[in-house]
C-alpha atoms as a PDB file:
ATOM      1  CA  UNK A   1     -26.550   9.849   0.010  1.00  0.00           C
ATOM      2  CA  UNK A   2     -25.845  13.100  -0.517  1.00  0.00           C
ATOM      3  CA  UNK A   3     -25.306  14.298  -4.259  1.00  0.00           C
ATOM      4  CA  UNK A   4     -23.327  17.565  -4.461  1.00  0.00           C
ATOM      5  CA  UNK A   5     -22.939  17.605  -8.375  1.00  0.00           C
ATOM      6  CA  UNK A   6     -26.380  17.584 -10.719  1.00  0.00           C
ATOM      7  CA  UNK A   7     -26.630  17.215 -13.915  1.00  0.00           C
ATOM      8  CA  UNK A   8     -27.559  20.761 -15.101  1.00  0.00           C
ATOM      9  CA  UNK A   9     -24.486  21.924 -13.188  1.00  0.00           C
ATOM     10  CA  UNK A  10     -22.053  19.898 -14.359  1.00  0.00           C
ATOM     11  CA  UNK A  11     -22.705  20.462 -18.396  1.00  0.00           C
ATOM     12  CA  UNK A  12     -19.545  22.347 -18.783  1.00  0.00           C
ATOM     13  CA  UNK A  13     -16.357  21.037 -20.089  1.00  0.00           C
ATOM     14  CA  UNK A  14     -12.452  21.525 -20.631  1.00  0.00           C
ATOM     15  CA  UNK A  15      -8.900  21.424 -19.439  1.00  0.00           C
ATOM     16  CA  UNK A  16      -6.091  20.500 -17.462  1.00  0.00           C
ATOM     17  CA  UNK A  17      -2.429  18.291 -16.618  1.00  0.00           C
ATOM     18  CA  UNK A  18      -1.206  15.975 -14.362  1.00  0.00           C
ATOM     19  CA  UNK A  19       1.724  14.305 -12.787  1.00  0.00           C
ATOM     20  CA  UNK A  20       4.193  14.505 -15.494  1.00  0.00           C
ATOM     21  CA  UNK A  21       1.677  13.444 -18.208  1.00  0.00           C
ATOM     22  CA  UNK A  22       1.995  14.848 -21.489  1.00  0.00           C
ATOM     23  CA  UNK A  23      -0.257  17.697 -22.072  1.00  0.00           C
ATOM     24  CA  UNK A  24      -2.937  17.878 -24.845  1.00  0.00           C
ATOM     25  CA  UNK A  25      -3.814  20.261 -27.404  1.00  0.00           C
ATOM     26  CA  UNK A  26      -4.240  23.432 -25.504  1.00  0.00           C
ATOM     27  CA  UNK A  27      -6.816  25.971 -26.380  1.00  0.00           C
ATOM     28  CA  UNK A  28      -5.839  29.396 -25.444  1.00  0.00           C
ATOM     29  CA  UNK A  29      -6.709  32.801 -25.623  1.00  0.00           C
ATOM     30  CA  UNK A  30      -4.875  35.740 -23.765  1.00  0.00           C
ATOM     31  CA  UNK A  31      -2.834  39.061 -24.021  1.00  0.00           C
ATOM     32  CA  UNK A  32       0.813  39.884 -23.482  1.00  0.00           C
ATOM     33  CA  UNK A  33       3.944  37.496 -22.644  1.00  0.00           C
ATOM     34  CA  UNK A  34       1.959  35.190 -20.005  1.00  0.00           C
ATOM     35  CA  UNK A  35       2.712  31.680 -20.600  1.00  0.00           C
ATOM     36  CA  UNK A  36       2.309  28.368 -18.731  1.00  0.00           C
ATOM     37  CA  UNK A  37       5.070  26.061 -18.559  1.00  0.00           C
ATOM     38  CA  UNK A  38       3.687  23.081 -16.304  1.00  0.00           C
ATOM     39  CA  UNK A  39       0.679  21.769 -14.721  1.00  0.00           C
ATOM     40  CA  UNK A  40       0.712  18.743 -12.530  1.00  0.00           C
ATOM     41  CA  UNK A  41      -1.340  16.969  -9.898  1.00  0.00           C
ATOM     42  CA  UNK A  42       0.063  14.833  -6.485  1.00  0.00           C
ATOM     43  CA  UNK A  43      -0.257  11.445  -7.529  1.00  0.00           C
ATOM     44  CA  UNK A  44      -0.974  11.523 -11.163  1.00  0.00           C
ATOM     45  CA  UNK A  45      -4.361   9.821 -11.288  1.00  0.00           C
ATOM     46  CA  UNK A  46      -7.054   9.992  -9.355  1.00  0.00           C
ATOM     47  CA  UNK A  47      -8.480   6.825  -8.237  1.00  0.00           C
ATOM     48  CA  UNK A  48     -12.067   6.207  -6.322  1.00  0.00           C
ATOM     49  CA  UNK A  49     -12.931   3.083  -4.171  1.00  0.00           C
ATOM     50  CA  UNK A  50     -16.976   3.062  -3.563  1.00  0.00           C
ATOM     51  CA  UNK A  51     -16.653   5.440  -0.327  1.00  0.00           C
ATOM     52  CA  UNK A  52     -14.048   8.107   0.967  1.00  0.00           C
ATOM     53  CA  UNK A  53     -13.261  11.335  -0.748  1.00  0.00           C
ATOM     54  CA  UNK A  54      -9.863  12.051  -2.167  1.00  0.00           C
ATOM     55  CA  UNK A  55      -7.990  15.137  -1.934  1.00  0.00           C
ATOM     56  CA  UNK A  56      -5.099  16.447  -4.177  1.00  0.00           C
ATOM     57  CA  UNK A  57      -3.679  19.438  -5.613  1.00  0.00           C
ATOM     58  CA  UNK A  58      -3.333  20.908  -8.672  1.00  0.00           C
ATOM     59  CA  UNK A  59       0.015  23.016  -9.657  1.00  0.00           C
ATOM     60  CA  UNK A  60       0.497  25.275 -12.414  1.00  0.00           C
ATOM     61  CA  UNK A  61       3.749  27.060 -12.919  1.00  0.00           C
ATOM     62  CA  UNK A  62       3.299  30.666 -15.351  1.00  0.00           C
ATOM     63  CA  UNK A  63       5.545  32.967 -16.243  1.00  0.00           C
ATOM     64  CA  UNK A  64       5.379  36.878 -17.521  1.00  0.00           C
ATOM     65  CA  UNK A  65       8.209  39.492 -17.328  1.00  0.00           C
ATOM     66  CA  UNK A  66       6.314  40.969 -14.551  1.00  0.00           C
ATOM     67  CA  UNK A  67       5.653  38.459 -12.235  1.00  0.00           C
ATOM     68  CA  UNK A  68       2.341  36.323 -11.386  1.00  0.00           C
ATOM     69  CA  UNK A  69      -0.620  38.420 -10.022  1.00  0.00           C
ATOM     70  CA  UNK A  70      -2.700  34.832  -9.586  1.00  0.00           C
ATOM     71  CA  UNK A  71      -4.849  32.080 -11.234  1.00  0.00           C
ATOM     72  CA  UNK A  72      -8.146  30.819 -11.102  1.00  0.00           C
ATOM     73  CA  UNK A  73      -8.584  27.135 -12.443  1.00  0.00           C
ATOM     74  CA  UNK A  74     -11.494  24.490 -12.430  1.00  0.00           C
ATOM     75  CA  UNK A  75     -11.436  20.799 -13.466  1.00  0.00           C
ATOM     76  CA  UNK A  76     -13.865  18.845 -15.807  1.00  0.00           C
ATOM     77  CA  UNK A  77     -14.607  15.567 -17.037  1.00  0.00           C
ATOM     78  CA  UNK A  78     -16.866  13.131 -19.073  1.00  0.00           C
ATOM     79  CA  UNK A  79     -20.364  13.262 -19.231  1.00  0.00           C
ATOM     80  CA  UNK A  80     -21.459  15.811 -16.151  1.00  0.00           C
ATOM     81  CA  UNK A  81     -17.683  15.870 -14.500  1.00  0.00           C
ATOM     82  CA  UNK A  82     -16.583  19.212 -12.629  1.00  0.00           C
ATOM     83  CA  UNK A  83     -14.759  20.674  -9.685  1.00  0.00           C
ATOM     84  CA  UNK A  84     -13.535  23.378  -8.450  1.00  0.00           C
ATOM     85  CA  UNK A  85     -11.250  24.279  -5.587  1.00  0.00           C
ATOM     86  CA  UNK A  86     -12.171  23.757  -1.923  1.00  0.00           C
ATOM     87  CA  UNK A  87     -10.175  27.467  -1.375  1.00  0.00           C
ATOM     88  CA  UNK A  88      -8.380  29.558  -2.849  1.00  0.00           C
ATOM     89  CA  UNK A  89      -5.631  29.565  -5.184  1.00  0.00           C
ATOM     90  CA  UNK A  90      -2.311  30.468  -3.974  1.00  0.00           C
ATOM     91  CA  UNK A  91       0.474  31.260  -6.112  1.00  0.00           C
ATOM     92  CA  UNK A  92       4.085  31.583  -5.036  1.00  0.00           C
ATOM     93  CA  UNK A  93       7.246  33.049  -6.707  1.00  0.00           C
ATOM     94  CA  UNK A  94       9.967  30.826  -7.307  1.00  0.00           C
ATOM     95  CA  UNK A  95      13.353  31.662  -5.391  1.00  0.00           C
ATOM     96  CA  UNK A  96      15.507  34.253  -7.035  1.00  0.00           C
ATOM     97  CA  UNK A  97      13.280  34.330 -10.213  1.00  0.00           C
ATOM     98  CA  UNK A  98      10.158  36.563 -10.099  1.00  0.00           C
ATOM     99  CA  UNK A  99       9.061  36.231 -13.232  1.00  0.00           C
ATOM    100  CA  UNK A 100       8.030  32.628 -12.514  1.00  0.00           C
ATOM    101  CA  UNK A 101       5.747  31.460 -10.339  1.00  0.00           C
ATOM    102  CA  UNK A 102       3.656  28.069  -9.095  1.00  0.00           C
ATOM    103  CA  UNK A 103       0.041  28.278  -8.242  1.00  0.00           C
ATOM    104  CA  UNK A 104      -1.595  25.610  -6.119  1.00  0.00           C
ATOM    105  CA  UNK A 105      -5.257  24.741  -5.807  1.00  0.00           C
ATOM    106  CA  UNK A 106      -6.908  22.007  -3.724  1.00  0.00           C
ATOM    107  CA  UNK A 107      -9.401  19.889  -4.398  1.00  0.00           C
ATOM    108  CA  UNK A 108     -12.098  17.025  -3.268  1.00  0.00           C
ATOM    109  CA  UNK A 109     -13.771  14.263  -5.312  1.00  0.00           C
ATOM    110  CA  UNK A 110     -16.183  11.742  -3.272  1.00  0.00           C
ATOM    111  CA  UNK A 111     -17.826   9.048  -5.071  1.00  0.00           C
ATOM    112  CA  UNK A 112     -21.044   9.338  -2.649  1.00  0.00           C
ATOM    113  CA  UNK A 113     -21.441  13.249  -2.956  1.00  0.00           C
ATOM    114  CA  UNK A 114     -20.244  13.898  -6.590  1.00  0.00           C
ATOM    115  CA  UNK A 115     -20.887  11.212  -8.774  1.00  0.00           C
ATOM    116  CA  UNK A 116     -24.151   9.642  -9.395  1.00  0.00           C
ATOM    117  CA  UNK A 117     -23.419   6.795 -12.100  1.00  0.00           C
ATOM    118  CA  UNK A 118     -19.669   5.666 -13.621  1.00  0.00           C
ATOM    119  CA  UNK A 119     -20.143   7.778 -16.653  1.00  0.00           C
ATOM    120  CA  UNK A 120     -17.584  10.739 -15.192  1.00  0.00           C
ATOM    121  CA  UNK A 121     -14.679   7.936 -15.502  1.00  0.00           C
ATOM    122  CA  UNK A 122     -11.967   8.585 -17.868  1.00  0.00           C
ATOM    123  CA  UNK A 123      -9.831  11.543 -18.898  1.00  0.00           C
ATOM    124  CA  UNK A 124      -9.988  15.087 -16.985  1.00  0.00           C
ATOM    125  CA  UNK A 125      -8.799  18.392 -17.846  1.00  0.00           C
ATOM    126  CA  UNK A 126      -8.347  21.431 -15.894  1.00  0.00           C
ATOM    127  CA  UNK A 127      -9.115  25.027 -17.775  1.00  0.00           C
ATOM    128  CA  UNK A 128      -6.627  27.642 -16.395  1.00  0.00           C
ATOM    129  CA  UNK A 129      -7.013  31.352 -15.907  1.00  0.00           C
ATOM    130  CA  UNK A 130      -3.592  33.391 -15.409  1.00  0.00           C
ATOM    131  CA  UNK A 131      -3.344  37.404 -14.329  1.00  0.00           C
ATOM    132  CA  UNK A 132      -0.039  38.895 -15.088  1.00  0.00           C
ATOM    133  CA  UNK A 133       1.109  41.902 -12.610  1.00  0.00           C
ATOM    134  CA  UNK A 134       1.169  44.249 -15.547  1.00  0.00           C
ATOM    135  CA  UNK A 135      -2.420  43.053 -16.805  1.00  0.00           C
ATOM    136  CA  UNK A 136      -1.022  40.774 -19.605  1.00  0.00           C
ATOM    137  CA  UNK A 137      -3.428  37.134 -18.938  1.00  0.00           C
ATOM    138  CA  UNK A 138      -3.494  34.242 -20.322  1.00  0.00           C
ATOM    139  CA  UNK A 139      -6.741  31.576 -20.431  1.00  0.00           C
ATOM    140  CA  UNK A 140      -5.879  28.110 -21.229  1.00  0.00           C
ATOM    141  CA  UNK A 141      -8.365  25.232 -22.055  1.00  0.00           C
ATOM    142  CA  UNK A 142      -6.980  21.428 -21.939  1.00  0.00           C
ATOM    143  CA  UNK A 143      -3.248  22.505 -20.568  1.00  0.00           C
ATOM    144  CA  UNK A 144      -3.240  18.882 -19.615  1.00  0.00           C
ATOM    145  CA  UNK A 145      -4.669  15.917 -18.116  1.00  0.00           C
ATOM    146  CA  UNK A 146      -4.992  13.104 -15.725  1.00  0.00           C
ATOM    147  CA  UNK A 147      -7.608  10.035 -15.083  1.00  0.00           C
ATOM    148  CA  UNK A 148     -10.586   9.611 -12.214  1.00  0.00           C
ATOM    149  CA  UNK A 149     -10.849   5.720 -12.407  1.00  0.00           C
ATOM    150  CA  UNK A 150     -13.258   3.584 -10.505  1.00  0.00           C
ATOM    151  CA  UNK A 151     -11.024   1.163  -7.824  1.00  0.00           C
ATOM    152  CA  UNK A 152     -10.341  -2.319  -8.771  1.00  0.00           C
ATOM    153  CA  UNK A 153     -10.142  -5.254  -7.015  1.00  0.00           C
ATOM    154  CA  UNK A 154      -8.516  -8.843  -7.872  1.00  0.00           C
ATOM    155  CA  UNK A 155      -8.659 -12.186  -6.233  1.00  0.00           C
ATOM    156  CA  UNK A 156      -6.719 -15.500  -6.863  1.00  0.00           C
ATOM    157  CA  UNK A 157      -7.205 -19.444  -5.849  1.00  0.00           C
ATOM    158  CA  UNK A 158      -5.298 -22.081  -7.326  1.00  0.00           C
ATOM    159  CA  UNK A 159      -6.589 -25.673  -5.920  1.00  0.00           C
ATOM    160  CA  UNK A 160      -5.917 -28.232  -4.778  1.00  0.00           C
ATOM    161  CA  UNK A 161      -2.935 -27.368  -2.972  1.00  0.00           C
ATOM    162  CA  UNK A 162      -0.894 -29.820  -2.186  1.00  0.00           C
ATOM    163  CA  UNK A 163      -1.189 -31.833  -5.773  1.00  0.00           C
ATOM    164  CA  UNK A 164       1.034 -34.229  -7.363  1.00  0.00           C
ATOM    165  CA  UNK A 165       2.884 -33.399 -10.124  1.00  0.00           C
ATOM    166  CA  UNK A 166       1.659 -33.629 -13.740  1.00  0.00           C
ATOM    167  CA  UNK A 167      -1.993 -33.667 -12.348  1.00  0.00           C
ATOM    168  CA  UNK A 168      -4.440 -30.457 -13.340  1.00  0.00           C
ATOM    169  CA  UNK A 169      -4.294 -27.139 -11.140  1.00  0.00           C
ATOM    170  CA  UNK A 170      -7.367 -25.149 -11.671  1.00  0.00           C
ATOM    171  CA  UNK A 171      -6.720 -21.299 -10.784  1.00  0.00           C
ATOM    172  CA  UNK A 172      -9.798 -18.930 -10.384  1.00  0.00           C
ATOM    173  CA  UNK A 173     -10.129 -15.421  -9.333  1.00  0.00           C
ATOM    174  CA  UNK A 174     -12.482 -12.528  -9.987  1.00  0.00           C
ATOM    175  CA  UNK A 175     -11.656  -8.814 -11.999  1.00  0.00           C
ATOM    176  CA  UNK A 176     -14.517  -6.302  -9.948  1.00  0.00           C
ATOM    177  CA  UNK A 177     -14.095  -2.296  -9.597  1.00  0.00           C
ATOM    178  CA  UNK A 178     -16.054   0.368  -7.673  1.00  0.00           C
ATOM    179  CA  UNK A 179     -19.874   0.747  -8.703  1.00  0.00           C
ATOM    180  CA  UNK A 180     -20.203   4.588  -7.939  1.00  0.00           C
ATOM    181  CA  UNK A 181     -24.199   3.753  -8.844  1.00  0.00           C
ATOM    182  CA  UNK A 182     -24.459   1.015  -6.140  1.00  0.00           C
ATOM    183  CA  UNK A 183     -21.574   1.899  -3.713  1.00  0.00           C
ATOM    184  CA  UNK A 184     -20.321  -1.719  -4.375  1.00  0.00           C
ATOM    185  CA  UNK A 185     -17.634  -3.240  -6.524  1.00  0.00           C
ATOM    186  CA  UNK A 186     -18.814  -5.095  -9.263  1.00  0.00           C
ATOM    187  CA  UNK A 187     -17.782  -7.510 -11.986  1.00  0.00           C
ATOM    188  CA  UNK A 188     -15.533  -6.271 -14.463  1.00  0.00           C
ATOM    189  CA  UNK A 189     -16.399  -8.376 -17.625  1.00  0.00           C
ATOM    190  CA  UNK A 190     -14.831  -9.100 -20.881  1.00  0.00           C
ATOM    191  CA  UNK A 191     -11.230  -7.731 -19.565  1.00  0.00           C
ATOM    192  CA  UNK A 192      -7.547  -9.648 -20.691  1.00  0.00           C
ATOM    193  CA  UNK A 193      -6.147 -10.851 -17.299  1.00  0.00           C
ATOM    194  CA  UNK A 194      -2.808 -12.465 -17.211  1.00  0.00           C
ATOM    195  CA  UNK A 195      -2.047 -15.577 -15.373  1.00  0.00           C
ATOM    196  CA  UNK A 196       1.598 -15.773 -13.738  1.00  0.00           C
ATOM    197  CA  UNK A 197       3.430 -17.899 -12.468  1.00  0.00           C
ATOM    198  CA  UNK A 198       6.601 -17.640  -9.794  1.00  0.00           C
ATOM    199  CA  UNK A 199       8.969 -20.246  -9.126  1.00  0.00           C
ATOM    200  CA  UNK A 200       9.168 -21.087  -5.373  1.00  0.00           C
ATOM    201  CA  UNK A 201      13.202 -19.965  -6.187  1.00  0.00           C
ATOM    202  CA  UNK A 202      12.544 -17.225  -7.675  1.00  0.00           C
ATOM    203  CA  UNK A 203      11.480 -13.741  -7.527  1.00  0.00           C
ATOM    204  CA  UNK A 204      10.296 -12.877 -10.929  1.00  0.00           C
ATOM    205  CA  UNK A 205       6.603 -13.870 -11.955  1.00  0.00           C
ATOM    206  CA  UNK A 206       5.970 -15.025 -15.850  1.00  0.00           C
ATOM    207  CA  UNK A 207       3.259 -15.077 -17.987  1.00  0.00           C
ATOM    208  CA  UNK A 208       1.806 -18.418 -18.132  1.00  0.00           C
ATOM    209  CA  UNK A 209      -1.363 -17.390 -20.382  1.00  0.00           C
ATOM    210  CA  UNK A 210      -4.181 -14.976 -20.594  1.00  0.00           C
ATOM    211  CA  UNK A 211      -7.934 -15.252 -19.933  1.00  0.00           C
ATOM    212  CA  UNK A 212     -10.761 -12.957 -20.499  1.00  0.00           C
ATOM    213  CA  UNK A 213     -13.287 -12.222 -17.587  1.00  0.00           C
ATOM    214  CA  UNK A 214     -16.446 -13.509 -17.312  1.00  0.00           C
ATOM    215  CA  UNK A 215     -20.104 -13.033 -15.772  1.00  0.00           C
ATOM    216  CA  UNK A 216     -19.716 -11.270 -12.604  1.00  0.00           C
ATOM    217  CA  UNK A 217     -15.606 -10.529 -13.522  1.00  0.00           C
ATOM    218  CA  UNK A 218     -15.212 -14.279 -13.004  1.00  0.00           C
ATOM    219  CA  UNK A 219     -11.847 -16.171 -13.749  1.00  0.00           C
ATOM    220  CA  UNK A 220     -10.864 -19.755 -14.005  1.00  0.00           C
ATOM    221  CA  UNK A 221      -8.352 -21.842 -16.111  1.00  0.00           C
ATOM    222  CA  UNK A 222      -6.767 -24.904 -15.858  1.00  0.00           C
ATOM    223  CA  UNK A 223      -2.517 -25.382 -15.799  1.00  0.00           C
ATOM    224  CA  UNK A 224      -0.455 -28.699 -14.975  1.00  0.00           C
ATOM    225  CA  UNK A 225       1.234 -29.007 -11.817  1.00  0.00           C
ATOM    226  CA  UNK A 226       4.890 -28.444 -12.502  1.00  0.00           C
ATOM    227  CA  UNK A 227       6.731 -27.213  -9.878  1.00  0.00           C
ATOM    228  CA  UNK A 228       6.258 -25.653  -6.492  1.00  0.00           C
ATOM    229  CA  UNK A 229       5.264 -21.794  -6.819  1.00  0.00           C
ATOM    230  CA  UNK A 230       2.822 -19.700  -6.720  1.00  0.00           C
ATOM    231  CA  UNK A 231       0.050 -18.169  -8.971  1.00  0.00           C
ATOM    232  CA  UNK A 232      -1.414 -14.915  -9.456  1.00  0.00           C
ATOM    233  CA  UNK A 233      -3.604 -13.367 -11.568  1.00  0.00           C
ATOM    234  CA  UNK A 234      -2.245  -9.405 -13.090  1.00  0.00           C
ATOM    235  CA  UNK A 235      -5.048  -6.952 -15.017  1.00  0.00           C
ATOM    236  CA  UNK A 236      -2.832  -4.162 -17.249  1.00  0.00           C
ATOM    237  CA  UNK A 237      -6.156  -1.554 -16.325  1.00  0.00           C
ATOM    238  CA  UNK A 238      -8.082   0.751 -18.678  1.00  0.00           C
ATOM    239  CA  UNK A 239      -8.344   4.201 -19.088  1.00  0.00           C
ATOM    240  CA  UNK A 240     -11.580   4.320 -16.534  1.00  0.00           C
ATOM    241  CA  UNK A 241     -10.157   1.098 -14.387  1.00  0.00           C
ATOM    242  CA  UNK A 242      -6.482   0.947 -12.858  1.00  0.00           C
ATOM    243  CA  UNK A 243      -4.379  -2.131 -12.825  1.00  0.00           C
ATOM    244  CA  UNK A 244      -4.550  -4.772  -9.979  1.00  0.00           C
ATOM    245  CA  UNK A 245      -2.406  -7.685  -9.305  1.00  0.00           C
ATOM    246  CA  UNK A 246      -4.010 -10.551  -6.969  1.00  0.00           C
ATOM    247  CA  UNK A 247      -1.482 -11.554  -3.989  1.00  0.00           C
ATOM    248  CA  UNK A 248       0.099 -14.694  -5.183  1.00  0.00           C
ATOM    249  CA  UNK A 249      -1.313 -18.084  -4.262  1.00  0.00           C
ATOM    250  CA  UNK A 250       1.341 -20.865  -3.252  1.00  0.00           C
ATOM    251  CA  UNK A 251       0.881 -24.452  -4.498  1.00  0.00           C
ATOM    252  CA  UNK A 252       2.823 -27.518  -2.894  1.00  0.00           C
ATOM    253  CA  UNK A 253       3.480 -29.764  -5.873  1.00  0.00           C
ATOM    254  CA  UNK A 254       4.237 -33.433  -4.603  1.00  0.00           C
END
């Protein structure tokens, strides 16, 4: 397994913004009237499983009365998290407004190449440098932020089926997420997960109860059989792990 990044190379850190998220307090330095008006990422957050690279684009919109000459940017995150563009940063002026340009860079993150453990999951930032045609410039750290997250999975099983009305139904399942150290999915423990139920004649799920995941991410609870319908688990997500819902498991109540 190749690992493109090392701890020595990845020790730097600071600033970015993606997909309409509110930007954190930026640390900026520059000369002249150059300013950044927007930073965005395609897809909002970057969710990675145990294999397969994810390609995404970061766009920076900037203004200067002389127009924008060019831009540089890189991403950094927790621990050793760091990424540079796969090619040149390209800038294009807005139609009818030569003072405003959007500069774009493409990035690739691959859990089997770039990550040696899970410590890089969480909030990432982009550092941006903008050059204007008249020599003005702006260097901005933390122009915005997004999350790099460990992909999650959720299963459900309701049994027995069919079941007599009033009898006990046992609903089980497991909450797991990508482990970048082992390239496998592992249980996500001590997490609140909602058990939801949808009546056979309804399109809406309602919360039945909340259960915390146990060893190996295991979920288990019991309910009384009342009517036909679907049970599912629903996990709201955390800063390092995206939300996920299990597919509904239908129970026929006799």
